[in-house]
Amino acid sequence: MAKLNSYLNFDGKAEEAFNFYKSVFGGEFLGEIYRMGNAPGTENLSDEEKNRVMHIALPIGNDLLMASDIVPGFGQTLTIGNSNYVSIFPESREEAERLFRGLSEGGNIEMPLEDQFWGDYFGSFQDRYGIHWMINYNEEYVK
């Protein structure tokens, strides 16, 4: 079966955001942080755009969270919206609380992490970088 991983875009904040995510999830980046300036055809970009992240990946469990920065010099723009969420299914209530507390720091909580009518321990928020997250724990999912 194919594997599905989340890929995020930032406007010059990918490295900062991923260092923050690494502080919450732990682990190390997979491979190096690839920069735009290392790619062919980027000679005319500003120094700031050359230093933007072309690709970064953080292993989380058996999955990868990946990202890059947009490049305004290539006509790219970033629109932050709520059409996508990264949904995490931790292995315990304690891990759910740790992840929710860590990732939502400095962000906006949409639904506090609490027991829900459908039986899950659930909460959602937008982090300080504009990324939307859902934390969803159900003991039945981890059996």
Protein backbone atom coordinates (compact mmCIF):
# COMPACT_ATOMS: atom_id res chain seq x y z
CA MET A 1 0.00 0.00 0.00
CA ALA A 2 1.19 3.51 -0.75
CA LYS A 3 2.21 5.71 2.19
CA LEU A 4 0.71 9.13 2.82
CA ASN A 5 2.82 11.85 4.47
CA SER A 6 2.10 15.53 5.12
CA TYR A 7 3.97 18.24 3.20
CA LEU A 8 3.77 21.83 4.42
CA ASN A 9 4.69 25.15 2.78
CA PHE A 10 5.98 28.22 4.57
CA ASP A 11 6.97 31.75 3.60
CA GLY A 12 10.56 31.77 4.84
CA LYS A 13 9.76 30.05 8.16
CA ALA A 14 10.19 26.34 7.29
CA GLU A 15 13.46 25.89 9.18
CA GLU A 16 12.24 27.80 12.23
CA ALA A 17 8.97 25.86 12.28
CA PHE A 18 10.71 22.51 11.89
CA ASN A 19 13.15 23.27 14.69
CA PHE A 20 10.09 24.00 16.83
CA TYR A 21 8.39 20.75 15.72
CA LYS A 22 11.61 18.84 16.42
CA SER A 23 11.63 20.31 19.95
CA VAL A 24 8.11 18.92 20.51
CA PHE A 25 8.36 15.54 18.73
CA GLY A 26 12.06 14.84 19.27
CA GLY A 27 14.24 13.03 16.76
CA GLU A 28 16.50 14.34 14.05
CA PHE A 29 15.89 15.60 10.53
CA LEU A 30 16.08 13.00 7.80
CA GLY A 31 19.03 14.01 5.66
CA GLU A 32 20.17 17.56 5.34
CA ILE A 33 18.20 20.77 5.05
CA TYR A 34 18.26 21.48 1.33
CA ARG A 35 18.44 25.16 0.38
CA MET A 36 16.98 26.87 -2.69
CA GLY A 37 20.39 28.29 -3.55
CA ASN A 38 21.75 24.78 -4.18
CA ALA A 39 19.29 24.14 -7.01
CA PRO A 40 20.04 24.93 -10.65
CA GLY A 41 18.36 28.08 -11.96
CA THR A 42 18.47 29.97 -8.68
CA GLU A 43 21.45 32.20 -9.49
CA ASN A 44 19.29 35.35 -9.78
CA LEU A 45 17.47 34.90 -6.48
CA SER A 46 18.22 37.23 -3.58
CA ASP A 47 20.47 35.91 -0.82
CA GLU A 48 17.41 35.64 1.43
CA GLU A 49 15.57 33.49 -1.12
CA LYS A 50 18.65 31.35 -1.77
CA ASN A 51 18.74 30.56 1.95
CA ARG A 52 15.09 29.42 2.00
CA VAL A 53 14.38 25.74 2.56
CA MET A 54 13.87 23.67 -0.58
CA HIS A 55 13.19 20.50 1.45
CA ILE A 56 13.21 19.40 5.08
CA ALA A 57 11.88 16.18 6.63
CA LEU A 58 11.27 15.14 10.24
CA PRO A 59 10.47 11.48 10.98
CA ILE A 60 7.58 11.10 13.42
CA GLY A 61 6.95 7.48 14.28
CA ASN A 62 6.77 5.63 10.95
CA ASP A 63 5.77 8.78 9.06
CA LEU A 64 7.47 11.89 7.71
CA LEU A 65 6.47 15.51 8.17
CA MET A 66 8.04 17.43 5.28
CA ALA A 67 8.13 21.04 4.12
CA SER A 68 9.62 23.75 1.98
CA ASP A 69 9.50 27.54 1.70
CA ILE A 70 7.83 29.31 -1.18
CA VAL A 71 10.03 31.50 -3.41
CA PRO A 72 8.47 34.88 -4.20
CA GLY A 73 11.14 35.41 -6.91
CA PHE A 74 9.56 32.49 -8.77
CA GLY A 75 6.10 34.09 -8.46
CA GLN A 76 5.02 31.81 -5.60
CA THR A 77 2.70 33.05 -2.86
CA LEU A 78 1.50 31.41 0.32
CA THR A 79 -2.13 31.50 1.38
CA ILE A 80 -2.65 30.31 4.92
CA GLY A 81 -6.02 28.65 5.32
CA ASN A 82 -7.93 25.99 7.16
CA SER A 83 -8.43 23.56 4.31
CA ASN A 84 -5.76 21.18 5.63
CA TYR A 85 -4.93 19.75 9.03
CA VAL A 86 -2.14 17.51 10.23
CA SER A 87 -3.93 14.87 12.30
CA ILE A 88 -1.92 13.05 14.96
CA PHE A 89 -3.00 9.83 16.69
CA PRO A 90 -0.78 9.52 19.78
CA GLU A 91 -0.39 6.28 21.71
CA SER A 92 -1.58 7.63 25.11
CA ARG A 93 -3.55 10.44 26.72
CA GLU A 94 -0.30 11.71 28.22
CA GLU A 95 1.35 11.91 24.81
CA ALA A 96 -1.77 13.64 23.43
CA GLU A 97 -1.53 16.24 26.19
CA ARG A 98 2.21 16.77 25.67
CA LEU A 99 1.84 17.22 21.90
CA PHE A 100 -1.20 19.48 22.21
CA ARG A 101 0.46 21.66 24.84
CA GLY A 102 3.76 21.88 22.93
CA LEU A 103 2.47 22.44 19.42
CA SER A 104 -0.30 24.89 20.38
CA GLU A 105 2.08 27.13 22.37
CA GLY A 106 1.82 30.60 20.85
CA GLY A 107 -1.01 29.50 18.54
CA ASN A 108 -4.81 29.61 18.59
CA ILE A 109 -6.81 26.77 20.13
CA GLU A 110 -9.98 25.94 18.21
CA MET A 111 -11.18 23.05 20.40
CA PRO A 112 -9.55 22.37 23.76
CA LEU A 113 -8.19 18.87 24.24
CA GLU A 114 -10.95 17.03 26.10
CA ASP A 115 -13.17 13.98 26.00
CA GLN A 116 -15.65 14.33 23.15
CA PHE A 117 -19.18 12.98 22.73
CA TRP A 118 -18.00 10.51 20.06
CA GLY A 119 -15.66 8.87 22.56
CA ASP A 120 -12.28 10.32 21.59
CA TYR A 121 -9.91 12.60 23.49
CA PHE A 122 -9.65 15.34 20.87
CA GLY A 123 -8.52 18.91 20.36
CA SER A 124 -7.57 21.16 17.45
CA PHE A 125 -5.59 24.35 16.99
CA GLN A 126 -3.61 26.52 14.61
CA ASP A 127 0.06 26.73 15.60
CA ARG A 128 2.15 29.90 15.63
CA TYR A 129 3.13 29.25 11.98
CA GLY A 130 -0.45 29.01 10.68
CA ILE A 131 -0.49 25.20 10.44
CA HIS A 132 -3.69 23.50 11.60
CA TRP A 133 -3.37 20.40 13.79
CA MET A 134 -5.74 17.82 15.28
CA ILE A 135 -4.75 15.64 18.21
CA ASN A 136 -6.98 12.57 18.46
CA TYR A 137 -6.53 9.82 21.04
CA ASN A 138 -8.76 6.77 21.31
CA GLU A 139 -7.62 3.72 23.22
CA GLU A 140 -9.24 1.49 20.57
CA TYR A 141 -6.94 2.92 17.85
CA VAL A 142 -3.75 1.80 19.58
CA LYS A 143 -4.71 -1.83 20.29
